[in-house]
PDB file of N, CA and C in Angstrom:
ATOM      1  N   GLY A   1    -120.991-124.065  75.137  1.00  0.00           N
ATOM      2  CA  GLY A   1    -122.280-123.448  75.112  1.00  0.00           C
ATOM      3  C   GLY A   1    -122.693-122.969  76.490  1.00  0.00           C
ATOM      4  N   GLN A   2    -123.805-122.298  76.527  1.00  0.00           N
ATOM      5  CA  GLN A   2    -124.317-121.771  77.788  1.00  0.00           C
ATOM      6  C   GLN A   2    -125.073-122.813  78.596  1.00  0.00           C
ATOM      7  N   GLY A   3    -125.477-123.924  77.957  1.00  0.00           N
ATOM      8  CA  GLY A   3    -126.191-124.951  78.710  1.00  0.00           C
ATOM      9  C   GLY A   3    -127.422-124.369  79.366  1.00  0.00           C
ATOM     10  N   ASN A   4    -127.548-124.578  80.663  1.00  0.00           N
ATOM     11  CA  ASN A   4    -128.712-124.110  81.418  1.00  0.00           C
ATOM     12  C   ASN A   4    -128.498-122.753  82.068  1.00  0.00           C
ATOM     13  N   MET A   5    -127.483-122.019  81.648  1.00  0.00           N
ATOM     14  CA  MET A   5    -127.181-120.725  82.281  1.00  0.00           C
ATOM     15  C   MET A   5    -128.373-119.780  82.260  1.00  0.00           C
ATOM     16  N   ASP A   6    -129.108-119.725  81.158  1.00  0.00           N
ATOM     17  CA  ASP A   6    -130.223-118.790  81.059  1.00  0.00           C
ATOM     18  C   ASP A   6    -131.373-119.171  81.988  1.00  0.00           C
ATOM     19  N   ALA A   7    -131.465-120.446  82.330  1.00  0.00           N
ATOM     20  CA  ALA A   7    -132.551-120.911  83.182  1.00  0.00           C
ATOM     21  C   ALA A   7    -132.153-120.994  84.651  1.00  0.00           C
ATOM     22  N   ALA A   8    -130.904-120.713  84.977  1.00  0.00           N
ATOM     23  CA  ALA A   8    -130.427-120.841  86.360  1.00  0.00           C
ATOM     24  C   ALA A   8    -131.130-119.827  87.256  1.00  0.00           C
ATOM     25  N   GLN A   9    -131.674-120.313  88.354  1.00  0.00           N
ATOM     26  CA  GLN A   9    -132.347-119.466  89.328  1.00  0.00           C
ATOM     27  C   GLN A   9    -131.932-119.927  90.721  1.00  0.00           C
ATOM     28  N   PRO A  10    -131.732-119.007  91.651  1.00  0.00           N
ATOM     29  CA  PRO A  10    -131.403-119.425  93.020  1.00  0.00           C
ATOM     30  C   PRO A  10    -132.619-120.026  93.700  1.00  0.00           C
ATOM     31  N   ASP A  11    -132.375-120.966  94.586  1.00  0.00           N
ATOM     32  CA  ASP A  11    -133.455-121.545  95.387  1.00  0.00           C
ATOM     33  C   ASP A  11    -133.828-120.624  96.535  1.00  0.00           C
ATOM     34  N   CYS A  12    -132.839-119.921  97.058  1.00  0.00           N
ATOM     35  CA  CYS A  12    -133.058-119.074  98.217  1.00  0.00           C
ATOM     36  C   CYS A  12    -131.921-118.066  98.285  1.00  0.00           C
ATOM     37  N   ILE A  13    -132.221-116.847  98.641  1.00  0.00           N
ATOM     38  CA  ILE A  13    -131.193-115.838  98.841  1.00  0.00           C
ATOM     39  C   ILE A  13    -131.316-115.346 100.276  1.00  0.00           C
ATOM     40  N   MET A  14    -130.249-115.502 101.027  1.00  0.00           N
ATOM     41  CA  MET A  14    -130.214-115.038 102.412  1.00  0.00           C
ATOM     42  C   MET A  14    -129.108-113.999 102.510  1.00  0.00           C
ATOM     43  N   PHE A  15    -129.326-112.979 103.294  1.00  0.00           N
ATOM     44  CA  PHE A  15    -128.280-111.985 103.500  1.00  0.00           C
ATOM     45  C   PHE A  15    -128.366-111.476 104.924  1.00  0.00           C
ATOM     46  N   THR A  16    -127.262-110.941 105.385  1.00  0.00           N
ATOM     47  CA  THR A  16    -127.242-110.354 106.714  1.00  0.00           C
ATOM     48  C   THR A  16    -126.951-108.875 106.566  1.00  0.00           C
ATOM     49  N   VAL A  17    -127.519-108.107 107.429  1.00  0.00           N
ATOM     50  CA  VAL A  17    -127.324-106.667 107.401  1.00  0.00           C
ATOM     51  C   VAL A  17    -126.754-106.259 108.744  1.00  0.00           C
ATOM     52  N   GLY A  18    -125.681-105.527 108.708  1.00  0.00           N
ATOM     53  CA  GLY A  18    -125.092-105.063 109.951  1.00  0.00           C
ATOM     54  C   GLY A  18    -124.588-103.650 109.798  1.00  0.00           C
ATOM     55  N   ALA A  19    -124.909-102.832 110.732  1.00  0.00           N
ATOM     56  CA  ALA A  19    -124.429-101.450 110.684  1.00  0.00           C
ATOM     57  C   ALA A  19    -123.118-101.302 111.432  1.00  0.00           C
ATOM     58  N   GLY A  20    -122.758-102.353 112.184  1.00  0.00           N
ATOM     59  CA  GLY A  20    -121.489-102.331 112.892  1.00  0.00           C
ATOM     60  C   GLY A  20    -121.438-101.234 113.944  1.00  0.00           C
ATOM     61  N   SER A  21    -120.245-100.736 114.170  1.00  0.00           N
ATOM     62  CA  SER A  21    -120.020 -99.788 115.256  1.00  0.00           C
ATOM     63  C   SER A  21    -120.648 -98.422 115.004  1.00  0.00           C
ATOM     64  N   LYS A  22    -121.086 -98.143 113.786  1.00  0.00           N
ATOM     65  CA  LYS A  22    -121.701 -96.845 113.498  1.00  0.00           C
ATOM     66  C   LYS A  22    -123.085 -96.714 114.135  1.00  0.00           C
ATOM     67  N   ALA A  23    -123.754 -97.844 114.385  1.00  0.00           N
ATOM     68  CA  ALA A  23    -125.105 -97.788 114.925  1.00  0.00           C
ATOM     69  C   ALA A  23    -125.200 -98.267 116.364  1.00  0.00           C
ATOM     70  N   VAL A  24    -124.369 -99.238 116.714  1.00  0.00           N
ATOM     71  CA  VAL A  24    -124.461 -99.843 118.039  1.00  0.00           C
ATOM     72  C   VAL A  24    -123.065 -99.875 118.653  1.00  0.00           C
ATOM     73  N   HIS A  25    -122.983 -99.448 119.889  1.00  0.00           N
ATOM     74  CA  HIS A  25    -121.693 -99.502 120.578  1.00  0.00           C
ATOM     75  C   HIS A  25    -121.233-100.957 120.632  1.00  0.00           C
ATOM     76  N   LYS A  26    -119.947-101.189 120.392  1.00  0.00           N
ATOM     77  CA  LYS A  26    -119.428-102.550 120.295  1.00  0.00           C
ATOM     78  C   LYS A  26    -119.689-103.397 121.539  1.00  0.00           C
ATOM     79  N   ASP A  27    -119.809-102.773 122.716  1.00  0.00           N
ATOM     80  CA  ASP A  27    -120.086-103.533 123.931  1.00  0.00           C
ATOM     81  C   ASP A  27    -121.501-104.108 123.941  1.00  0.00           C
ATOM     82  N   TYR A  28    -122.393-103.555 123.110  1.00  0.00           N
ATOM     83  CA  TYR A  28    -123.787-103.998 123.077  1.00  0.00           C
ATOM     84  C   TYR A  28    -124.152-104.722 121.800  1.00  0.00           C
ATOM     85  N   GLU A  29    -123.200-104.839 120.914  1.00  0.00           N
ATOM     86  CA  GLU A  29    -123.455-105.453 119.618  1.00  0.00           C
ATOM     87  C   GLU A  29    -123.390-106.976 119.748  1.00  0.00           C
ATOM     88  N   ASP A  30    -124.450-107.657 119.357  1.00  0.00           N
ATOM     89  CA  ASP A  30    -124.472-109.121 119.379  1.00  0.00           C
ATOM     90  C   ASP A  30    -123.985-109.633 118.028  1.00  0.00           C
ATOM     91  N   THR A  31    -122.808-110.195 118.014  1.00  0.00           N
ATOM     92  CA  THR A  31    -122.249-110.729 116.771  1.00  0.00           C
ATOM     93  C   THR A  31    -122.178-112.256 116.802  1.00  0.00           C
ATOM     94  N   SER A  32    -122.902-112.887 117.714  1.00  0.00           N
ATOM     95  CA  SER A  32    -122.831-114.341 117.848  1.00  0.00           C
ATOM     96  C   SER A  32    -123.301-115.065 116.587  1.00  0.00           C
ATOM     97  N   ASP A  33    -124.179-114.449 115.812  1.00  0.00           N
ATOM     98  CA  ASP A  33    -124.668-115.071 114.583  1.00  0.00           C
ATOM     99  C   ASP A  33    -123.971-114.536 113.336  1.00  0.00           C
ATOM    100  N   ALA A  34    -122.987-113.673 113.513  1.00  0.00           N
ATOM    101  CA  ALA A  34    -122.282-113.102 112.363  1.00  0.00           C
ATOM    102  C   ALA A  34    -121.378-114.161 111.738  1.00  0.00           C
ATOM    103  N   LYS A  35    -121.177-114.044 110.431  1.00  0.00           N
ATOM    104  CA  LYS A  35    -120.251-114.967 109.771  1.00  0.00           C
ATOM    105  C   LYS A  35    -118.872-114.790 110.396  1.00  0.00           C
ATOM    106  N   PRO A  36    -118.134-115.845 110.632  1.00  0.00           N
ATOM    107  CA  PRO A  36    -118.238-117.154 110.000  1.00  0.00           C
ATOM    108  C   PRO A  36    -119.208-118.138 110.645  1.00  0.00           C
ATOM    109  N   ALA A  37    -120.003-117.715 111.631  1.00  0.00           N
ATOM    110  CA  ALA A  37    -121.049-118.603 112.148  1.00  0.00           C
ATOM    111  C   ALA A  37    -122.003-118.935 111.001  1.00  0.00           C
ATOM    112  N   PRO A  38    -122.431-120.166 110.890  1.00  0.00           N
ATOM    113  CA  PRO A  38    -123.261-120.571 109.752  1.00  0.00           C
ATOM    114  C   PRO A  38    -124.752-120.285 109.918  1.00  0.00           C
ATOM    115  N   THR A  39    -125.125-119.465 110.880  1.00  0.00           N
ATOM    116  CA  THR A  39    -126.537-119.251 111.225  1.00  0.00           C
ATOM    117  C   THR A  39    -127.411-118.880 110.032  1.00  0.00           C
ATOM    118  N   SER A  40    -127.018-117.875 109.244  1.00  0.00           N
ATOM    119  CA  SER A  40    -127.878-117.446 108.137  1.00  0.00           C
ATOM    120  C   SER A  40    -127.999-118.523 107.073  1.00  0.00           C
ATOM    121  N   LEU A  41    -126.948-119.293 106.859  1.00  0.00           N
ATOM    122  CA  LEU A  41    -127.021-120.386 105.881  1.00  0.00           C
ATOM    123  C   LEU A  41    -127.949-121.492 106.366  1.00  0.00           C
ATOM    124  N   LEU A  42    -127.865-121.803 107.644  1.00  0.00           N
ATOM    125  CA  LEU A  42    -128.757-122.822 108.202  1.00  0.00           C
ATOM    126  C   LEU A  42    -130.206-122.356 108.172  1.00  0.00           C
ATOM    127  N   GLN A  43    -130.436-121.060 108.406  1.00  0.00           N
ATOM    128  CA  GLN A  43    -131.800-120.519 108.315  1.00  0.00           C
ATOM    129  C   GLN A  43    -132.321-120.618 106.882  1.00  0.00           C
ATOM    130  N   GLY A  44    -131.451-120.356 105.908  1.00  0.00           N
ATOM    131  CA  GLY A  44    -131.840-120.491 104.505  1.00  0.00           C
ATOM    132  C   GLY A  44    -132.202-121.925 104.163  1.00  0.00           C
ATOM    133  N   ALA A  45    -131.399-122.868 104.631  1.00  0.00           N
ATOM    134  CA  ALA A  45    -131.686-124.281 104.387  1.00  0.00           C
ATOM    135  C   ALA A  45    -133.017-124.676 105.027  1.00  0.00           C
ATOM    136  N   ALA A  46    -133.259-124.195 106.240  1.00  0.00           N
ATOM    137  CA  ALA A  46    -134.526-124.491 106.920  1.00  0.00           C
ATOM    138  C   ALA A  46    -135.698-123.891 106.154  1.00  0.00           C
ATOM    139  N   ALA A  47    -135.513-122.668 105.617  1.00  0.00           N
ATOM    140  CA  ALA A  47    -136.578-122.024 104.840  1.00  0.00           C
ATOM    141  C   ALA A  47    -136.925-122.830 103.589  1.00  0.00           C
ATOM    142  N   LEU A  48    -135.945-123.577 103.088  1.00  0.00           N
ATOM    143  CA  LEU A  48    -136.169-124.430 101.914  1.00  0.00           C
ATOM    144  C   LEU A  48    -136.709-125.808 102.289  1.00  0.00           C
ATOM    145  N   GLY A  49    -136.836-126.057 103.599  1.00  0.00           N
ATOM    146  CA  GLY A  49    -137.393-127.323 104.062  1.00  0.00           C
ATOM    147  C   GLY A  49    -136.376-128.415 104.301  1.00  0.00           C
ATOM    148  N   PHE A  50    -135.096-128.088 104.331  1.00  0.00           N
ATOM    149  CA  PHE A  50    -134.070-129.095 104.586  1.00  0.00           C
ATOM    150  C   PHE A  50    -133.895-129.289 106.085  1.00  0.00           C
ATOM    151  N   ARG A  51    -133.678-130.546 106.468  1.00  0.00           N
ATOM    152  CA  ARG A  51    -133.353-130.845 107.858  1.00  0.00           C
ATOM    153  C   ARG A  51    -131.928-130.382 108.123  1.00  0.00           C
ATOM    154  N   GLN A  52    -131.650-130.009 109.354  1.00  0.00           N
ATOM    155  CA  GLN A  52    -130.296-129.587 109.705  1.00  0.00           C
ATOM    156  C   GLN A  52    -129.321-130.724 109.402  1.00  0.00           C
ATOM    157  N   GLY A  53    -128.256-130.380 108.704  1.00  0.00           N
ATOM    158  CA  GLY A  53    -127.233-131.355 108.360  1.00  0.00           C
ATOM    159  C   GLY A  53    -127.460-132.065 107.046  1.00  0.00           C
ATOM    160  N   SER A  54    -128.641-131.878 106.432  1.00  0.00           N
ATOM    161  CA  SER A  54    -128.914-132.597 105.183  1.00  0.00           C
ATOM    162  C   SER A  54    -128.681-131.737 103.944  1.00  0.00           C
ATOM    163  N   TYR A  55    -128.490-130.442 104.114  1.00  0.00           N
ATOM    164  CA  TYR A  55    -128.350-129.534 102.970  1.00  0.00           C
ATOM    165  C   TYR A  55    -126.898-129.424 102.549  1.00  0.00           C
ATOM    166  N   ARG A  56    -126.641-129.584 101.278  1.00  0.00           N
ATOM    167  CA  ARG A  56    -125.293-129.430 100.726  1.00  0.00           C
ATOM    168  C   ARG A  56    -125.381-128.469  99.551  1.00  0.00           C
ATOM    169  N   GLY A  57    -125.264-127.210  99.834  1.00  0.00           N
ATOM    170  CA  GLY A  57    -125.407-126.188  98.809  1.00  0.00           C
ATOM    171  C   GLY A  57    -124.080-125.558  98.446  1.00  0.00           C
ATOM    172  N   TYR A  58    -124.161-124.335  97.956  1.00  0.00           N
ATOM    173  CA  TYR A  58    -122.997-123.570  97.540  1.00  0.00           C
ATOM    174  C   TYR A  58    -123.006-122.224  98.250  1.00  0.00           C
ATOM    175  N   MET A  59    -121.843-121.751  98.604  1.00  0.00           N
ATOM    176  CA  MET A  59    -121.680-120.428  99.195  1.00  0.00           C
ATOM    177  C   MET A  59    -120.722-119.656  98.303  1.00  0.00           C
ATOM    178  N   VAL A  60    -121.182-118.521  97.806  1.00  0.00           N
ATOM    179  CA  VAL A  60    -120.348-117.643  97.000  1.00  0.00           C
ATOM    180  C   VAL A  60    -120.130-116.383  97.818  1.00  0.00           C
ATOM    181  N   GLY A  61    -118.871-115.992  98.010  1.00  0.00           N
ATOM    182  CA  GLY A  61    -118.604-114.817  98.812  1.00  0.00           C
ATOM    183  C   GLY A  61    -117.287-114.166  98.459  1.00  0.00           C
ATOM    184  N   ASP A  62    -117.140-112.936  98.950  1.00  0.00           N
ATOM    185  CA  ASP A  62    -115.913-112.179  98.689  1.00  0.00           C
ATOM    186  C   ASP A  62    -115.051-112.041  99.935  1.00  0.00           C
ATOM    187  N   ARG A  63    -115.505-112.571 101.051  1.00  0.00           N
ATOM    188  CA  ARG A  63    -114.754-112.468 102.308  1.00  0.00           C
ATOM    189  C   ARG A  63    -114.430-113.854 102.845  1.00  0.00           C
ATOM    190  N   LEU A  64    -113.349-113.936 103.571  1.00  0.00           N
ATOM    191  CA  LEU A  64    -112.953-115.199 104.178  1.00  0.00           C
ATOM    192  C   LEU A  64    -114.056-115.720 105.088  1.00  0.00           C
ATOM    193  N   THR A  65    -114.720-114.810 105.807  1.00  0.00           N
ATOM    194  CA  THR A  65    -115.796-115.241 106.706  1.00  0.00           C
ATOM    195  C   THR A  65    -116.960-115.861 105.940  1.00  0.00           C
ATOM    196  N   ASP A  66    -117.216-115.403 104.703  1.00  0.00           N
ATOM    197  CA  ASP A  66    -118.249-116.024 103.866  1.00  0.00           C
ATOM    198  C   ASP A  66    -117.884-117.479 103.590  1.00  0.00           C
ATOM    199  N   LEU A  67    -116.630-117.681 103.191  1.00  0.00           N
ATOM    200  CA  LEU A  67    -116.167-119.025 102.846  1.00  0.00           C
ATOM    201  C   LEU A  67    -116.149-119.929 104.071  1.00  0.00           C
ATOM    202  N   GLN A  68    -115.742-119.392 105.208  1.00  0.00           N
ATOM    203  CA  GLN A  68    -115.721-120.175 106.444  1.00  0.00           C
ATOM    204  C   GLN A  68    -117.134-120.574 106.866  1.00  0.00           C
ATOM    205  N   ALA A  69    -118.095-119.665 106.699  1.00  0.00           N
ATOM    206  CA  ALA A  69    -119.489-119.981 107.038  1.00  0.00           C
ATOM    207  C   ALA A  69    -120.007-121.088 106.131  1.00  0.00           C
ATOM    208  N   GLY A  70    -119.708-120.992 104.837  1.00  0.00           N
ATOM    209  CA  GLY A  70    -120.113-122.043 103.906  1.00  0.00           C
ATOM    210  C   GLY A  70    -119.508-123.384 104.268  1.00  0.00           C
ATOM    211  N   ALA A  71    -118.217-123.379 104.578  1.00  0.00           N
ATOM    212  CA  ALA A  71    -117.538-124.619 104.949  1.00  0.00           C
ATOM    213  C   ALA A  71    -118.140-125.214 106.226  1.00  0.00           C
ATOM    214  N   ALA A  72    -118.533-124.358 107.166  1.00  0.00           N
ATOM    215  CA  ALA A  72    -119.136-124.833 108.415  1.00  0.00           C
ATOM    216  C   ALA A  72    -120.463-125.545 108.171  1.00  0.00           C
ATOM    217  N   CYS A  73    -121.115-125.241 107.043  1.00  0.00           N
ATOM    218  CA  CYS A  73    -122.387-125.889 106.675  1.00  0.00           C
ATOM    219  C   CYS A  73    -122.178-127.012 105.676  1.00  0.00           C
ATOM    220  N   HIS A  74    -120.932-127.342 105.407  1.00  0.00           N
ATOM    221  CA  HIS A  74    -120.585-128.381 104.435  1.00  0.00           C
ATOM    222  C   HIS A  74    -121.000-127.998 103.017  1.00  0.00           C
ATOM    223  N   CYS A  75    -121.053-126.699 102.748  1.00  0.00           N
ATOM    224  CA  CYS A  75    -121.317-126.215 101.396  1.00  0.00           C
ATOM    225  C   CYS A  75    -120.020-126.257 100.591  1.00  0.00           C
ATOM    226  N   LYS A  76    -120.163-126.298  99.291  1.00  0.00           N
ATOM    227  CA  LYS A  76    -119.023-126.052  98.419  1.00  0.00           C
ATOM    228  C   LYS A  76    -118.911-124.536  98.330  1.00  0.00           C
ATOM    229  N   VAL A  77    -117.690-124.017  98.365  1.00  0.00           N
ATOM    230  CA  VAL A  77    -117.511-122.565  98.447  1.00  0.00           C
ATOM    231  C   VAL A  77    -116.720-122.030  97.259  1.00  0.00           C
ATOM    232  N   ILE A  78    -117.091-120.820  96.869  1.00  0.00           N
ATOM    233  CA  ILE A  78    -116.467-120.138  95.731  1.00  0.00           C
ATOM    234  C   ILE A  78    -116.134-118.720  96.159  1.00  0.00           C
ATOM    235  N   LEU A  79    -114.899-118.318  95.925  1.00  0.00           N
ATOM    236  CA  LEU A  79    -114.480-116.942  96.175  1.00  0.00           C
ATOM    237  C   LEU A  79    -114.715-116.140  94.904  1.00  0.00           C
ATOM    238  N   VAL A  80    -115.397-114.998  95.046  1.00  0.00           N
ATOM    239  CA  VAL A  80    -115.644-114.118  93.905  1.00  0.00           C
ATOM    240  C   VAL A  80    -114.791-112.862  94.085  1.00  0.00           C
ATOM    241  N   ARG A  81    -114.178-112.411  92.986  1.00  0.00           N
ATOM    242  CA  ARG A  81    -113.232-111.292  93.068  1.00  0.00           C
ATOM    243  C   ARG A  81    -113.909-109.918  93.119  1.00  0.00           C
ATOM    244  N   THR A  82    -115.217-109.871  93.176  1.00  0.00           N
ATOM    245  CA  THR A  82    -115.904-108.587  93.326  1.00  0.00           C
ATOM    246  C   THR A  82    -115.806-108.166  94.788  1.00  0.00           C
ATOM    247  N   GLY A  83    -116.231-106.959  95.098  1.00  0.00           N
ATOM    248  CA  GLY A  83    -116.156-106.483  96.479  1.00  0.00           C
ATOM    249  C   GLY A  83    -114.725-106.490  96.967  1.00  0.00           C
ATOM    250  N   VAL A  84    -114.482-107.182  98.068  1.00  0.00           N
ATOM    251  CA  VAL A  84    -113.125-107.279  98.610  1.00  0.00           C
ATOM    252  C   VAL A  84    -112.473-108.617  98.265  1.00  0.00           C
ATOM    253  N   GLY A  85    -113.019-109.307  97.274  1.00  0.00           N
ATOM    254  CA  GLY A  85    -112.537-110.629  96.904  1.00  0.00           C
ATOM    255  C   GLY A  85    -111.087-110.680  96.466  1.00  0.00           C
ATOM    256  N   VAL A  86    -110.617-109.645  95.772  1.00  0.00           N
ATOM    257  CA  VAL A  86    -109.214-109.624  95.338  1.00  0.00           C
ATOM    258  C   VAL A  86    -108.298-109.583  96.560  1.00  0.00           C
ATOM    259  N   GLN A  87    -108.654-108.772  97.542  1.00  0.00           N
ATOM    260  CA  GLN A  87    -107.869-108.700  98.773  1.00  0.00           C
ATOM    261  C   GLN A  87    -107.944-110.029  99.535  1.00  0.00           C
ATOM    262  N   THR A  88    -109.108-110.642  99.565  1.00  0.00           N
ATOM    263  CA  THR A  88    -109.264-111.925 100.245  1.00  0.00           C
ATOM    264  C   THR A  88    -108.411-112.988  99.568  1.00  0.00           C
ATOM    265  N   GLU A  89    -108.418-112.980  98.243  1.00  0.00           N
ATOM    266  CA  GLU A  89    -107.601-113.939  97.495  1.00  0.00           C
ATOM    267  C   GLU A  89    -106.119-113.786  97.851  1.00  0.00           C
ATOM    268  N   ALA A  90    -105.645-112.550  97.913  1.00  0.00           N
ATOM    269  CA  ALA A  90    -104.242-112.294  98.250  1.00  0.00           C
ATOM    270  C   ALA A  90    -103.932-112.738  99.682  1.00  0.00           C
ATOM    271  N   THR A  91    -104.839-112.441 100.598  1.00  0.00           N
ATOM    272  CA  THR A  91    -104.654-112.831 101.996  1.00  0.00           C
ATOM    273  C   THR A  91    -104.605-114.346 102.134  1.00  0.00           C
ATOM    274  N   MET A  92    -105.499-115.037 101.430  1.00  0.00           N
ATOM    275  CA  MET A  92    -105.519-116.499 101.491  1.00  0.00           C
ATOM    276  C   MET A  92    -104.234-117.085 100.910  1.00  0.00           C
ATOM    277  N   ALA A  93    -103.761-116.512  99.811  1.00  0.00           N
ATOM    278  CA  ALA A  93    -102.530-117.001  99.187  1.00  0.00           C
ATOM    279  C   ALA A  93    -101.336-116.793 100.116  1.00  0.00           C
ATOM    280  N   GLN A  94    -101.300-115.633 100.760  1.00  0.00           N
ATOM    281  CA  GLN A  94    -100.186-115.301 101.642  1.00  0.00           C
ATOM    282  C   GLN A  94    -100.189-116.172 102.903  1.00  0.00           C
ATOM    283  N   SER A  95    -101.368-116.420 103.447  1.00  0.00           N
ATOM    284  CA  SER A  95    -101.466-117.160 104.711  1.00  0.00           C
ATOM    285  C   SER A  95    -101.499-118.674 104.505  1.00  0.00           C
ATOM    286  N   GLY A  96    -101.778-119.090 103.276  1.00  0.00           N
ATOM    287  CA  GLY A  96    -101.917-120.518 103.024  1.00  0.00           C
ATOM    288  C   GLY A  96    -103.234-121.077 103.540  1.00  0.00           C
ATOM    289  N   GLU A  97    -104.186-120.192 103.806  1.00  0.00           N
ATOM    290  CA  GLU A  97    -105.508-120.585 104.323  1.00  0.00           C
ATOM    291  C   GLU A  97    -106.173-121.566 103.363  1.00  0.00           C
ATOM    292  N   GLU A  98    -106.609-122.695 103.899  1.00  0.00           N
ATOM    293  CA  GLU A  98    -107.339-123.681 103.108  1.00  0.00           C
ATOM    294  C   GLU A  98    -108.752-123.783 103.656  1.00  0.00           C
ATOM    295  N   ILE A  99    -109.703-123.804 102.744  1.00  0.00           N
ATOM    296  CA  ILE A  99    -111.112-123.865 103.116  1.00  0.00           C
ATOM    297  C   ILE A  99    -111.684-125.189 102.619  1.00  0.00           C
ATOM    298  N   SER A 100    -112.332-125.910 103.506  1.00  0.00           N
ATOM    299  CA  SER A 100    -112.969-127.170 103.135  1.00  0.00           C
ATOM    300  C   SER A 100    -114.039-126.923 102.072  1.00  0.00           C
ATOM    301  N   GLY A 101    -114.065-127.734 101.045  1.00  0.00           N
ATOM    302  CA  GLY A 101    -115.077-127.615  99.998  1.00  0.00           C
ATOM    303  C   GLY A 101    -114.810-126.520  98.996  1.00  0.00           C
ATOM    304  N   PHE A 102    -113.590-125.962  98.978  1.00  0.00           N
ATOM    305  CA  PHE A 102    -113.272-124.840  98.084  1.00  0.00           C
ATOM    306  C   PHE A 102    -113.260-125.309  96.635  1.00  0.00           C
ATOM    307  N   LEU A 103    -114.126-124.691  95.800  1.00  0.00           N
ATOM    308  CA  LEU A 103    -114.192-125.030  94.377  1.00  0.00           C
ATOM    309  C   LEU A 103    -113.275-124.173  93.523  1.00  0.00           C
ATOM    310  N   GLY A 104    -113.068-122.920  93.923  1.00  0.00           N
ATOM    311  CA  GLY A 104    -112.201-122.060  93.150  1.00  0.00           C
ATOM    312  C   GLY A 104    -112.551-120.593  93.296  1.00  0.00           C
ATOM    313  N   THR A 105    -111.832-119.791  92.519  1.00  0.00           N
ATOM    314  CA  THR A 105    -112.008-118.342  92.522  1.00  0.00           C
ATOM    315  C   THR A 105    -112.468-117.905  91.136  1.00  0.00           C
ATOM    316  N   VAL A 106    -113.454-117.022  91.108  1.00  0.00           N
ATOM    317  CA  VAL A 106    -114.013-116.539  89.842  1.00  0.00           C
ATOM    318  C   VAL A 106    -114.071-115.015  89.855  1.00  0.00           C
ATOM    319  N   ASP A 107    -114.231-114.431  88.682  1.00  0.00           N
ATOM    320  CA  ASP A 107    -114.228-112.972  88.553  1.00  0.00           C
ATOM    321  C   ASP A 107    -115.542-112.302  88.936  1.00  0.00           C
ATOM    322  N   ASN A 108    -116.685-113.002  88.777  1.00  0.00           N
ATOM    323  CA  ASN A 108    -117.981-112.368  89.022  1.00  0.00           C
ATOM    324  C   ASN A 108    -119.041-113.429  89.308  1.00  0.00           C
ATOM    325  N   LEU A 109    -120.253-112.973  89.602  1.00  0.00           N
ATOM    326  CA  LEU A 109    -121.321-113.907  89.959  1.00  0.00           C
ATOM    327  C   LEU A 109    -121.748-114.777  88.787  1.00  0.00           C
ATOM    328  N   ALA A 110    -121.696-114.247  87.564  1.00  0.00           N
ATOM    329  CA  ALA A 110    -122.033-115.069  86.396  1.00  0.00           C
ATOM    330  C   ALA A 110    -121.060-116.242  86.274  1.00  0.00           C
ATOM    331  N   ALA A 111    -119.790-115.982  86.513  1.00  0.00           N
ATOM    332  CA  ALA A 111    -118.793-117.049  86.467  1.00  0.00           C
ATOM    333  C   ALA A 111    -119.012-118.040  87.613  1.00  0.00           C
ATOM    334  N   ALA A 112    -119.464-117.550  88.768  1.00  0.00           N
ATOM    335  CA  ALA A 112    -119.772-118.447  89.895  1.00  0.00           C
ATOM    336  C   ALA A 112    -120.931-119.371  89.524  1.00  0.00           C
ATOM    337  N   ALA A 113    -121.977-118.813  88.907  1.00  0.00           N
ATOM    338  CA  ALA A 113    -123.115-119.634  88.475  1.00  0.00           C
ATOM    339  C   ALA A 113    -122.664-120.691  87.474  1.00  0.00           C
ATOM    340  N   LYS A 114    -121.799-120.309  86.568  1.00  0.00           N
ATOM    341  CA  LYS A 114    -121.290-121.249  85.574  1.00  0.00           C
ATOM    342  C   LYS A 114    -120.485-122.367  86.248  1.00  0.00           C
ATOM    343  N   LEU A 115    -119.667-122.010  87.233  1.00  0.00           N
ATOM    344  CA  LEU A 115    -118.891-123.015  87.962  1.00  0.00           C
ATOM    345  C   LEU A 115    -119.810-123.967  88.721  1.00  0.00           C
ATOM    346  N   ILE A 116    -120.849-123.442  89.320  1.00  0.00           N
ATOM    347  CA  ILE A 116    -121.805-124.279  90.052  1.00  0.00           C
ATOM    348  C   ILE A 116    -122.502-125.239  89.096  1.00  0.00           C
ATOM    349  N   LEU A 117    -122.979-124.723  87.978  1.00  0.00           N
ATOM    350  CA  LEU A 117    -123.654-125.594  87.008  1.00  0.00           C
ATOM    351  C   LEU A 117    -122.700-126.640  86.454  1.00  0.00           C
ATOM    352  N   SER A 118    -121.459-126.265  86.237  1.00  0.00           N
ATOM    353  CA  SER A 118    -120.458-127.230  85.791  1.00  0.00           C
ATOM    354  C   SER A 118    -120.235-128.313  86.845  1.00  0.00           C
ATOM    355  N   ASP A 119    -120.147-127.892  88.107  1.00  0.00           N
ATOM    356  CA  ASP A 119    -119.972-128.844  89.207  1.00  0.00           C
ATOM    357  C   ASP A 119    -121.144-129.806  89.302  1.00  0.00           C
ATOM    358  N   LEU A 120    -122.327-129.318  88.985  1.00  0.00           N
ATOM    359  CA  LEU A 120    -123.524-130.147  89.013  1.00  0.00           C
ATOM    360  C   LEU A 120    -123.682-130.999  87.756  1.00  0.00           C
ATOM    361  N   GLY A 121    -122.778-130.788  86.791  1.00  0.00           N
ATOM    362  CA  GLY A 121    -122.852-131.536  85.535  1.00  0.00           C
ATOM    363  C   GLY A 121    -123.963-131.059  84.616  1.00  0.00           C
ATOM    364  N   GLN A 122    -124.338-129.771  84.748  1.00  0.00           N
ATOM    365  CA  GLN A 122    -125.464-129.254  83.968  1.00  0.00           C
ATOM    366  C   GLN A 122    -125.054-128.289  82.865  1.00  0.00           C
ATOM    367  N   LEU A 123    -123.788-128.265  82.507  1.00  0.00           N
ATOM    368  CA  LEU A 123    -123.346-127.437  81.383  1.00  0.00           C
ATOM    369  C   LEU A 123    -122.981-128.343  80.235  1.00  0.00           C
ATOM    370  N   ASP A 124    -123.259-127.867  79.029  1.00  0.00           N
ATOM    371  CA  ASP A 124    -122.908-128.628  77.818  1.00  0.00           C
ATOM    372  C   ASP A 124    -121.402-128.715  77.699  1.00  0.00           C
TER     373      ASP A 124
END
């Protein structure tokens, strides 16, 4: 069954926007907070009222840097095959890259939500 799938809502959505080299010359571009740095995830946790180090959430992403950022925050991580996820999956398989807290690979965000709810024990 769908369990709580219809009622699933995110607690917080954080995203980063970068124009890269098209807008700012690379010598002046500050990428210190770019993934795989966990800065945006930690800001999201703080926005939810969690103390640093106390939040254990989930990171869903299509890039290795997404997964690395999640792992740096002790999140459980899920690779999604949308975007560049198929290429990331192939790269990880070829390199043998292992990510701490890796739950698995899914085809889309709905499948990621289902995996998260299953991990939380909230699916029938």
